[in-house]
PDB file of N, CA and C in Angstrom:
ATOM      1  N   MET A   1       8.366 -74.125 -10.749  1.00  0.00           N
ATOM      2  CA  MET A   1       9.107 -73.676  -9.679  1.00  0.00           C
ATOM      3  C   MET A   1       8.080 -72.308  -9.492  1.00  0.00           C
ATOM      4  N   ALA A   2       8.229 -71.369 -10.492  1.00  0.00           N
ATOM      5  CA  ALA A   2       7.508 -70.117 -10.488  1.00  0.00           C
ATOM      6  C   ALA A   2       6.528 -69.772 -10.320  1.00  0.00           C
ATOM      7  N   MET A   3       5.285 -70.868 -10.312  1.00  0.00           N
ATOM      8  CA  MET A   3       3.782 -70.662 -10.409  1.00  0.00           C
ATOM      9  C   MET A   3       3.850 -71.069  -9.015  1.00  0.00           C
ATOM     10  N   ARG A   4       4.648 -72.100  -8.242  1.00  0.00           N
ATOM     11  CA  ARG A   4       4.717 -72.429  -6.946  1.00  0.00           C
ATOM     12  C   ARG A   4       5.214 -70.995  -5.840  1.00  0.00           C
ATOM     13  N   CYS A   5       6.250 -70.343  -6.441  1.00  0.00           N
ATOM     14  CA  CYS A   5       6.772 -68.659  -5.610  1.00  0.00           C
ATOM     15  C   CYS A   5       5.382 -68.122  -6.208  1.00  0.00           C
ATOM     16  N   ALA A   6       4.647 -67.843  -7.244  1.00  0.00           N
ATOM     17  CA  ALA A   6       3.511 -67.280  -7.037  1.00  0.00           C
ATOM     18  C   ALA A   6       2.159 -67.493  -5.917  1.00  0.00           C
ATOM     19  N   GLU A   7       2.355 -68.492  -6.116  1.00  0.00           N
ATOM     20  CA  GLU A   7       1.153 -68.971  -5.308  1.00  0.00           C
ATOM     21  C   GLU A   7       1.222 -68.586  -3.578  1.00  0.00           C
ATOM     22  N   THR A   8       2.705 -68.244  -3.388  1.00  0.00           N
ATOM     23  CA  THR A   8       3.648 -69.020  -1.701  1.00  0.00           C
ATOM     24  C   THR A   8       4.259 -67.001  -2.164  1.00  0.00           C
ATOM     25  N   LYS A   9       4.276 -66.793  -3.166  1.00  0.00           N
ATOM     26  CA  LYS A   9       4.366 -64.859  -3.232  1.00  0.00           C
ATOM     27  C   LYS A   9       5.971 -65.063  -2.200  1.00  0.00           C
ATOM     28  N   THR A  10       6.326 -65.939  -2.863  1.00  0.00           N
ATOM     29  CA  THR A  10       8.203 -66.125  -2.789  1.00  0.00           C
ATOM     30  C   THR A  10       9.275 -65.784  -3.411  1.00  0.00           C
ATOM     31  N   PRO A  11       9.654 -64.131  -3.187  1.00  0.00           N
ATOM     32  CA  PRO A  11      10.644 -63.847  -4.460  1.00  0.00           C
ATOM     33  C   PRO A  11      11.254 -65.328  -4.953  1.00  0.00           C
ATOM     34  N   CYS A  12      11.670 -65.018  -5.837  1.00  0.00           N
ATOM     35  CA  CYS A  12      12.778 -66.158  -6.845  1.00  0.00           C
ATOM     36  C   CYS A  12      14.197 -65.344  -6.299  1.00  0.00           C
ATOM     37  N   ASP A  13      14.870 -66.576  -5.831  1.00  0.00           N
ATOM     38  CA  ASP A  13      16.289 -65.891  -6.039  1.00  0.00           C
ATOM     39  C   ASP A  13      16.813 -67.233  -7.226  1.00  0.00           C
ATOM     40  N   PRO A  14      18.027 -65.567  -7.719  1.00  0.00           N
ATOM     41  CA  PRO A  14      18.457 -66.101  -8.896  1.00  0.00           C
ATOM     42  C   PRO A  14      19.576 -67.838  -8.661  1.00  0.00           C
ATOM     43  N   GLY A  15      20.378 -66.711  -7.628  1.00  0.00           N
ATOM     44  CA  GLY A  15      21.790 -67.664  -7.221  1.00  0.00           C
ATOM     45  C   GLY A  15      21.228 -68.947  -6.743  1.00  0.00           C
ATOM     46  N   ALA A  16      19.521 -69.611  -6.428  1.00  0.00           N
ATOM     47  CA  ALA A  16      19.128 -71.051  -5.675  1.00  0.00           C
ATOM     48  C   ALA A  16      18.585 -71.571  -7.019  1.00  0.00           C
ATOM     49  N   LEU A  17      18.548 -71.396  -8.634  1.00  0.00           N
ATOM     50  CA  LEU A  17      18.004 -72.056  -9.554  1.00  0.00           C
ATOM     51  C   LEU A  17      19.204 -72.882 -10.219  1.00  0.00           C
ATOM     52  N   THR A  18      18.660 -74.309 -10.588  1.00  0.00           N
ATOM     53  CA  THR A  18      19.134 -75.236 -11.504  1.00  0.00           C
ATOM     54  C   THR A  18      19.515 -74.519 -12.692  1.00  0.00           C
ATOM     55  N   PRO A  19      20.444 -74.989 -13.536  1.00  0.00           N
ATOM     56  CA  PRO A  19      20.567 -74.754 -14.691  1.00  0.00           C
ATOM     57  C   PRO A  19      18.886 -74.898 -15.700  1.00  0.00           C
ATOM     58  N   ARG A  20      18.070 -75.417 -15.154  1.00  0.00           N
ATOM     59  CA  ARG A  20      16.619 -76.097 -15.872  1.00  0.00           C
ATOM     60  C   ARG A  20      15.998 -75.181 -15.535  1.00  0.00           C
ATOM     61  N   GLU A  21      16.063 -75.190 -14.060  1.00  0.00           N
ATOM     62  CA  GLU A  21      14.957 -73.922 -13.863  1.00  0.00           C
ATOM     63  C   GLU A  21      15.131 -72.237 -14.318  1.00  0.00           C
ATOM     64  N   ASP A  22      16.330 -72.104 -14.139  1.00  0.00           N
ATOM     65  CA  ASP A  22      16.638 -70.871 -15.142  1.00  0.00           C
ATOM     66  C   ASP A  22      16.376 -71.620 -16.656  1.00  0.00           C
ATOM     67  N   GLU A  23      16.774 -71.641 -17.648  1.00  0.00           N
ATOM     68  CA  GLU A  23      15.968 -71.826 -18.723  1.00  0.00           C
ATOM     69  C   GLU A  23      14.599 -72.018 -18.115  1.00  0.00           C
ATOM     70  N   LEU A  24      13.662 -72.546 -17.746  1.00  0.00           N
ATOM     71  CA  LEU A  24      11.853 -72.445 -17.508  1.00  0.00           C
ATOM     72  C   LEU A  24      11.057 -71.314 -17.013  1.00  0.00           C
ATOM     73  N   TYR A  25      11.906 -70.540 -16.374  1.00  0.00           N
ATOM     74  CA  TYR A  25      11.826 -68.996 -16.114  1.00  0.00           C
ATOM     75  C   TYR A  25      12.099 -67.915 -17.383  1.00  0.00           C
ATOM     76  N   MET A  26      13.439 -68.631 -17.793  1.00  0.00           N
ATOM     77  CA  MET A  26      13.352 -67.574 -19.236  1.00  0.00           C
ATOM     78  C   MET A  26      12.404 -67.804 -20.242  1.00  0.00           C
ATOM     79  N   ALA A  27      11.922 -68.546 -20.608  1.00  0.00           N
ATOM     80  CA  ALA A  27      10.600 -69.901 -21.546  1.00  0.00           C
ATOM     81  C   ALA A  27       9.643 -68.279 -21.009  1.00  0.00           C
ATOM     82  N   LEU A  28       9.326 -68.568 -19.208  1.00  0.00           N
ATOM     83  CA  LEU A  28       8.400 -68.165 -19.035  1.00  0.00           C
ATOM     84  C   LEU A  28       8.367 -65.993 -18.956  1.00  0.00           C
ATOM     85  N   LEU A  29       8.998 -65.657 -19.319  1.00  0.00           N
ATOM     86  CA  LEU A  29       8.993 -64.553 -19.286  1.00  0.00           C
ATOM     87  C   LEU A  29       9.537 -64.174 -20.616  1.00  0.00           C
ATOM     88  N   SER A  30       9.908 -65.297 -22.124  1.00  0.00           N
ATOM     89  CA  SER A  30       9.804 -64.606 -22.951  1.00  0.00           C
ATOM     90  C   SER A  30       8.348 -64.621 -23.634  1.00  0.00           C
ATOM     91  N   MET A  31       7.471 -65.467 -22.852  1.00  0.00           N
ATOM     92  CA  MET A  31       6.043 -65.650 -23.264  1.00  0.00           C
ATOM     93  C   MET A  31       5.781 -63.648 -22.698  1.00  0.00           C
ATOM     94  N   LEU A  32       6.095 -64.148 -21.724  1.00  0.00           N
ATOM     95  CA  LEU A  32       5.192 -62.729 -21.353  1.00  0.00           C
ATOM     96  C   LEU A  32       5.649 -61.933 -21.707  1.00  0.00           C
ATOM     97  N   GLU A  33       6.980 -61.412 -22.047  1.00  0.00           N
ATOM     98  CA  GLU A  33       7.115 -60.283 -22.892  1.00  0.00           C
ATOM     99  C   GLU A  33       6.184 -60.244 -24.528  1.00  0.00           C
ATOM    100  N   TYR A  34       6.201 -60.975 -24.940  1.00  0.00           N
ATOM    101  CA  TYR A  34       5.633 -61.506 -25.973  1.00  0.00           C
ATOM    102  C   TYR A  34       4.171 -61.138 -25.868  1.00  0.00           C
ATOM    103  N   ILE A  35       3.774 -61.125 -24.901  1.00  0.00           N
ATOM    104  CA  ILE A  35       1.919 -60.957 -24.499  1.00  0.00           C
ATOM    105  C   ILE A  35       2.294 -59.362 -24.419  1.00  0.00           C
ATOM    106  N   SER A  36       3.036 -59.153 -23.827  1.00  0.00           N
ATOM    107  CA  SER A  36       2.760 -57.488 -22.832  1.00  0.00           C
ATOM    108  C   SER A  36       3.041 -56.439 -24.157  1.00  0.00           C
ATOM    109  N   ILE A  37       4.178 -57.185 -25.230  1.00  0.00           N
ATOM    110  CA  ILE A  37       5.019 -55.997 -26.621  1.00  0.00           C
ATOM    111  C   ILE A  37       3.397 -56.018 -27.751  1.00  0.00           C
ATOM    112  N   ASN A  38       2.579 -57.576 -27.744  1.00  0.00           N
ATOM    113  CA  ASN A  38       0.910 -56.922 -28.551  1.00  0.00           C
ATOM    114  C   ASN A  38       0.175 -56.207 -27.585  1.00  0.00           C
ATOM    115  N   PHE A  39       0.190 -56.906 -26.288  1.00  0.00           N
ATOM    116  CA  PHE A  39      -0.320 -55.588 -25.321  1.00  0.00           C
ATOM    117  C   PHE A  39      -0.555 -53.871 -25.480  1.00  0.00           C
ATOM    118  N   LEU A  40       0.988 -53.711 -25.243  1.00  0.00           N
ATOM    119  CA  LEU A  40       1.151 -52.742 -25.712  1.00  0.00           C
ATOM    120  C   LEU A  40       1.198 -52.020 -26.254  1.00  0.00           C
ATOM    121  N   SER A  41       1.207 -52.952 -27.840  1.00  0.00           N
ATOM    122  CA  SER A  41       0.528 -52.053 -29.321  1.00  0.00           C
ATOM    123  C   SER A  41      -0.506 -52.535 -29.788  1.00  0.00           C
ATOM    124  N   ASN A  42      -1.505 -52.469 -28.408  1.00  0.00           N
ATOM    125  CA  ASN A  42      -2.556 -52.484 -29.133  1.00  0.00           C
ATOM    126  C   ASN A  42      -3.471 -54.032 -30.003  1.00  0.00           C
ATOM    127  N   THR A  43      -2.551 -55.229 -30.016  1.00  0.00           N
ATOM    128  CA  THR A  43      -3.094 -56.105 -31.485  1.00  0.00           C
ATOM    129  C   THR A  43      -3.383 -57.125 -29.996  1.00  0.00           C
ATOM    130  N   MET A  44      -3.541 -57.723 -28.586  1.00  0.00           N
ATOM    131  CA  MET A  44      -4.445 -57.946 -28.487  1.00  0.00           C
ATOM    132  C   MET A  44      -5.602 -57.011 -27.673  1.00  0.00           C
ATOM    133  N   ASP A  45      -6.299 -57.828 -27.269  1.00  0.00           N
ATOM    134  CA  ASP A  45      -7.558 -57.138 -26.474  1.00  0.00           C
ATOM    135  C   ASP A  45      -7.222 -57.117 -24.878  1.00  0.00           C
ATOM    136  N   ARG A  46      -6.896 -56.339 -24.683  1.00  0.00           N
ATOM    137  CA  ARG A  46      -6.249 -55.542 -23.190  1.00  0.00           C
ATOM    138  C   ARG A  46      -7.709 -55.785 -22.413  1.00  0.00           C
ATOM    139  N   GLU A  47      -7.921 -55.694 -22.469  1.00  0.00           N
ATOM    140  CA  GLU A  47      -9.819 -55.698 -21.706  1.00  0.00           C
ATOM    141  C   GLU A  47      -9.853 -57.270 -21.169  1.00  0.00           C
ATOM    142  N   ILE A  48      -9.675 -57.703 -22.403  1.00  0.00           N
ATOM    143  CA  ILE A  48      -9.839 -59.365 -21.659  1.00  0.00           C
ATOM    144  C   ILE A  48      -8.402 -60.251 -21.398  1.00  0.00           C
ATOM    145  N   ILE A  49      -6.912 -59.314 -21.070  1.00  0.00           N
ATOM    146  CA  ILE A  49      -6.086 -59.871 -20.350  1.00  0.00           C
ATOM    147  C   ILE A  49      -6.014 -59.121 -19.009  1.00  0.00           C
ATOM    148  N   LEU A  50      -6.208 -58.208 -18.854  1.00  0.00           N
ATOM    149  CA  LEU A  50      -6.689 -57.724 -17.836  1.00  0.00           C
ATOM    150  C   LEU A  50      -7.337 -57.920 -17.123  1.00  0.00           C
ATOM    151  N   ARG A  51      -8.578 -58.834 -17.301  1.00  0.00           N
ATOM    152  CA  ARG A  51      -9.903 -58.936 -16.805  1.00  0.00           C
ATOM    153  C   ARG A  51      -9.335 -60.836 -16.867  1.00  0.00           C
ATOM    154  N   GLN A  52      -8.791 -60.996 -17.322  1.00  0.00           N
ATOM    155  CA  GLN A  52      -8.336 -62.338 -17.323  1.00  0.00           C
ATOM    156  C   GLN A  52      -7.481 -63.279 -16.124  1.00  0.00           C
ATOM    157  N   ARG A  53      -6.129 -61.814 -16.864  1.00  0.00           N
ATOM    158  CA  ARG A  53      -4.781 -62.637 -16.174  1.00  0.00           C
ATOM    159  C   ARG A  53      -3.812 -61.727 -14.957  1.00  0.00           C
ATOM    160  N   ARG A  54      -4.733 -60.744 -14.659  1.00  0.00           N
ATOM    161  CA  ARG A  54      -4.407 -59.493 -13.513  1.00  0.00           C
ATOM    162  C   ARG A  54      -3.498 -59.626 -12.214  1.00  0.00           C
ATOM    163  N   SER A  55      -4.411 -60.086 -12.183  1.00  0.00           N
ATOM    164  CA  SER A  55      -3.975 -60.834 -10.679  1.00  0.00           C
ATOM    165  C   SER A  55      -2.624 -61.827 -11.083  1.00  0.00           C
ATOM    166  N   GLY A  56      -2.290 -62.840 -11.908  1.00  0.00           N
ATOM    167  CA  GLY A  56      -1.679 -63.263 -11.820  1.00  0.00           C
ATOM    168  C   GLY A  56      -0.544 -63.101 -12.829  1.00  0.00           C
ATOM    169  N   LEU A  57      -0.171 -62.093 -13.686  1.00  0.00           N
ATOM    170  CA  LEU A  57       0.551 -61.046 -13.792  1.00  0.00           C
ATOM    171  C   LEU A  57       1.232 -60.963 -13.314  1.00  0.00           C
ATOM    172  N   LEU A  58       0.873 -59.814 -12.302  1.00  0.00           N
ATOM    173  CA  LEU A  58       0.899 -58.955 -11.484  1.00  0.00           C
ATOM    174  C   LEU A  58       1.831 -60.039 -10.233  1.00  0.00           C
ATOM    175  N   ARG A  59       1.137 -61.660  -9.681  1.00  0.00           N
ATOM    176  CA  ARG A  59       2.128 -61.999  -8.844  1.00  0.00           C
ATOM    177  C   ARG A  59       3.094 -62.553  -9.322  1.00  0.00           C
ATOM    178  N   VAL A  60       3.371 -63.208 -10.488  1.00  0.00           N
ATOM    179  CA  VAL A  60       4.730 -63.600 -11.527  1.00  0.00           C
ATOM    180  C   VAL A  60       5.567 -62.182 -11.375  1.00  0.00           C
ATOM    181  N   TYR A  61       5.404 -61.277 -11.679  1.00  0.00           N
ATOM    182  CA  TYR A  61       5.963 -59.965 -12.192  1.00  0.00           C
ATOM    183  C   TYR A  61       6.845 -59.874 -10.374  1.00  0.00           C
ATOM    184  N   GLU A  62       5.681 -60.062  -9.016  1.00  0.00           N
ATOM    185  CA  GLU A  62       6.078 -59.585  -8.317  1.00  0.00           C
ATOM    186  C   GLU A  62       6.854 -60.605  -7.735  1.00  0.00           C
ATOM    187  N   VAL A  63       7.193 -62.000  -7.832  1.00  0.00           N
ATOM    188  CA  VAL A  63       7.951 -63.066  -7.435  1.00  0.00           C
ATOM    189  C   VAL A  63       9.100 -62.905  -8.223  1.00  0.00           C
ATOM    190  N   LEU A  64       9.181 -62.761  -9.578  1.00  0.00           N
ATOM    191  CA  LEU A  64      10.446 -62.794 -10.648  1.00  0.00           C
ATOM    192  C   LEU A  64      11.296 -61.319 -11.130  1.00  0.00           C
ATOM    193  N   SER A  65      10.491 -60.392 -10.141  1.00  0.00           N
ATOM    194  CA  SER A  65      10.673 -59.146 -10.089  1.00  0.00           C
ATOM    195  C   SER A  65      13.080 -59.161 -10.585  1.00  0.00           C
ATOM    196  N   GLU A  66      13.384 -59.834  -8.629  1.00  0.00           N
ATOM    197  CA  GLU A  66      14.498 -59.997  -8.449  1.00  0.00           C
ATOM    198  C   GLU A  66      15.154 -60.811  -9.803  1.00  0.00           C
ATOM    199  N   TYR A  67      14.423 -61.721 -10.515  1.00  0.00           N
ATOM    200  CA  TYR A  67      15.544 -62.848 -11.367  1.00  0.00           C
ATOM    201  C   TYR A  67      15.493 -61.924 -12.760  1.00  0.00           C
ATOM    202  N   ILE A  68      14.830 -60.578 -12.883  1.00  0.00           N
ATOM    203  CA  ILE A  68      14.781 -59.804 -13.915  1.00  0.00           C
ATOM    204  C   ILE A  68      15.457 -59.389 -13.873  1.00  0.00           C
ATOM    205  N   ASN A  69      16.418 -58.442 -12.499  1.00  0.00           N
ATOM    206  CA  ASN A  69      17.043 -58.025 -12.236  1.00  0.00           C
ATOM    207  C   ASN A  69      18.345 -58.230 -12.816  1.00  0.00           C
ATOM    208  N   HIS A  70      18.401 -59.894 -12.260  1.00  0.00           N
ATOM    209  CA  HIS A  70      19.626 -59.670 -12.137  1.00  0.00           C
ATOM    210  C   HIS A  70      20.181 -60.688 -13.191  1.00  0.00           C
ATOM    211  N   LYS A  71      19.385 -60.868 -14.594  1.00  0.00           N
ATOM    212  CA  LYS A  71      19.686 -60.994 -15.741  1.00  0.00           C
ATOM    213  C   LYS A  71      19.501 -59.745 -16.361  1.00  0.00           C
ATOM    214  N   ARG A  72      19.028 -58.758 -16.276  1.00  0.00           N
ATOM    215  CA  ARG A  72      19.582 -57.726 -16.658  1.00  0.00           C
ATOM    216  C   ARG A  72      20.989 -57.199 -16.722  1.00  0.00           C
ATOM    217  N   VAL A  73      21.399 -57.594 -15.216  1.00  0.00           N
ATOM    218  CA  VAL A  73      22.863 -57.245 -14.876  1.00  0.00           C
ATOM    219  C   VAL A  73      24.060 -58.366 -15.570  1.00  0.00           C
ATOM    220  N   VAL A  74      23.841 -59.549 -15.472  1.00  0.00           N
ATOM    221  CA  VAL A  74      24.203 -60.322 -16.304  1.00  0.00           C
ATOM    222  C   VAL A  74      24.432 -60.131 -17.000  1.00  0.00           C
ATOM    223  N   TRP A  75      23.603 -60.087 -18.753  1.00  0.00           N
ATOM    224  CA  TRP A  75      23.312 -59.910 -19.807  1.00  0.00           C
ATOM    225  C   TRP A  75      23.693 -58.863 -20.207  1.00  0.00           C
ATOM    226  N   ARG A  76      24.371 -57.737 -19.293  1.00  0.00           N
ATOM    227  CA  ARG A  76      24.527 -56.553 -19.651  1.00  0.00           C
ATOM    228  C   ARG A  76      23.129 -55.513 -20.613  1.00  0.00           C
ATOM    229  N   ARG A  77      22.119 -55.609 -20.322  1.00  0.00           N
ATOM    230  CA  ARG A  77      20.590 -55.079 -21.008  1.00  0.00           C
ATOM    231  C   ARG A  77      19.694 -54.950 -19.732  1.00  0.00           C
ATOM    232  N   PRO A  78      19.557 -53.678 -19.733  1.00  0.00           N
ATOM    233  CA  PRO A  78      18.649 -53.013 -19.030  1.00  0.00           C
ATOM    234  C   PRO A  78      17.595 -52.813 -18.975  1.00  0.00           C
ATOM    235  N   ASN A  79      17.307 -53.440 -20.357  1.00  0.00           N
ATOM    236  CA  ASN A  79      15.602 -53.333 -21.134  1.00  0.00           C
ATOM    237  C   ASN A  79      14.754 -54.439 -20.919  1.00  0.00           C
ATOM    238  N   ALA A  80      15.826 -56.055 -20.582  1.00  0.00           N
ATOM    239  CA  ALA A  80      15.254 -56.878 -20.849  1.00  0.00           C
ATOM    240  C   ALA A  80      13.712 -57.327 -19.728  1.00  0.00           C
ATOM    241  N   TYR A  81      13.264 -57.655 -20.786  1.00  0.00           N
ATOM    242  CA  TYR A  81      11.816 -57.803 -19.974  1.00  0.00           C
ATOM    243  C   TYR A  81      11.169 -56.338 -19.825  1.00  0.00           C
ATOM    244  N   ARG A  82      11.249 -55.166 -20.735  1.00  0.00           N
ATOM    245  CA  ARG A  82      11.015 -53.829 -20.488  1.00  0.00           C
ATOM    246  C   ARG A  82       9.145 -53.876 -20.671  1.00  0.00           C
ATOM    247  N   SER A  83       8.770 -54.723 -21.342  1.00  0.00           N
ATOM    248  CA  SER A  83       7.701 -54.569 -22.022  1.00  0.00           C
ATOM    249  C   SER A  83       6.646 -55.587 -20.943  1.00  0.00           C
ATOM    250  N   PHE A  84       6.805 -55.882 -20.350  1.00  0.00           N
ATOM    251  CA  PHE A  84       6.175 -56.821 -19.173  1.00  0.00           C
ATOM    252  C   PHE A  84       6.833 -56.253 -18.204  1.00  0.00           C
ATOM    253  N   GLU A  85       7.252 -55.513 -17.915  1.00  0.00           N
ATOM    254  CA  GLU A  85       7.167 -54.499 -17.015  1.00  0.00           C
ATOM    255  C   GLU A  85       6.501 -53.344 -16.906  1.00  0.00           C
ATOM    256  N   MET A  86       6.877 -53.132 -18.459  1.00  0.00           N
ATOM    257  CA  MET A  86       5.925 -51.027 -17.978  1.00  0.00           C
ATOM    258  C   MET A  86       4.148 -51.686 -17.862  1.00  0.00           C
ATOM    259  N   MET A  87       3.599 -53.451 -19.136  1.00  0.00           N
ATOM    260  CA  MET A  87       2.503 -53.428 -18.760  1.00  0.00           C
ATOM    261  C   MET A  87       2.149 -53.527 -17.055  1.00  0.00           C
ATOM    262  N   VAL A  88       2.362 -53.972 -16.274  1.00  0.00           N
ATOM    263  CA  VAL A  88       2.791 -54.540 -14.894  1.00  0.00           C
ATOM    264  C   VAL A  88       2.277 -52.868 -14.523  1.00  0.00           C
ATOM    265  N   ASN A  89       3.342 -52.801 -14.483  1.00  0.00           N
ATOM    266  CA  ASN A  89       3.083 -50.626 -14.209  1.00  0.00           C
ATOM    267  C   ASN A  89       2.205 -50.375 -14.179  1.00  0.00           C
ATOM    268  N   GLU A  90       2.363 -50.061 -15.646  1.00  0.00           N
ATOM    269  CA  GLU A  90       1.329 -48.861 -16.485  1.00  0.00           C
ATOM    270  C   GLU A  90      -0.788 -49.370 -16.348  1.00  0.00           C
ATOM    271  N   HIS A  91      -0.309 -50.353 -16.452  1.00  0.00           N
ATOM    272  CA  HIS A  91      -1.779 -51.008 -17.146  1.00  0.00           C
ATOM    273  C   HIS A  91      -2.388 -52.081 -15.709  1.00  0.00           C
ATOM    274  N   ILE A  92      -1.522 -52.825 -14.819  1.00  0.00           N
ATOM    275  CA  ILE A  92      -1.915 -53.073 -14.056  1.00  0.00           C
ATOM    276  C   ILE A  92      -1.531 -52.546 -12.931  1.00  0.00           C
ATOM    277  N   LEU A  93      -0.837 -52.423 -11.778  1.00  0.00           N
ATOM    278  CA  LEU A  93      -1.091 -51.550 -10.573  1.00  0.00           C
ATOM    279  C   LEU A  93      -1.520 -50.132 -10.707  1.00  0.00           C
ATOM    280  N   ASN A  94      -1.349 -49.825 -11.930  1.00  0.00           N
ATOM    281  CA  ASN A  94      -2.020 -48.030 -11.694  1.00  0.00           C
ATOM    282  C   ASN A  94      -3.647 -48.012 -12.002  1.00  0.00           C
ATOM    283  N   SER A  95      -4.131 -49.262 -12.671  1.00  0.00           N
ATOM    284  CA  SER A  95      -5.613 -49.663 -12.921  1.00  0.00           C
ATOM    285  C   SER A  95      -6.124 -50.563 -11.668  1.00  0.00           C
ATOM    286  N   ALA A  96      -5.626 -50.936 -10.528  1.00  0.00           N
ATOM    287  CA  ALA A  96      -6.077 -51.856  -9.621  1.00  0.00           C
ATOM    288  C   ALA A  96      -6.752 -50.678  -8.424  1.00  0.00           C
TER     289      ALA A  96
END
């Protein structure tokens, strides 16, 4: 579903997700957060990540930004997925 939203550039509606879809979105964002943490700490090759995944990462961020904000409120964790957000804002949007 996340990839379908990214392909059509349709923002995710957190209230319309099934529990299974919610679980899959959290798994996707956990993976992206892991990549982002390593990207920001220079333990992954930034040039390769940006060259190979720039547009896809931006699209995923755009369609899941409402979902990310929803999770931050529900979990009362304002920094949830912050590394992914920082990578997109500081290294993808600013370098486009």
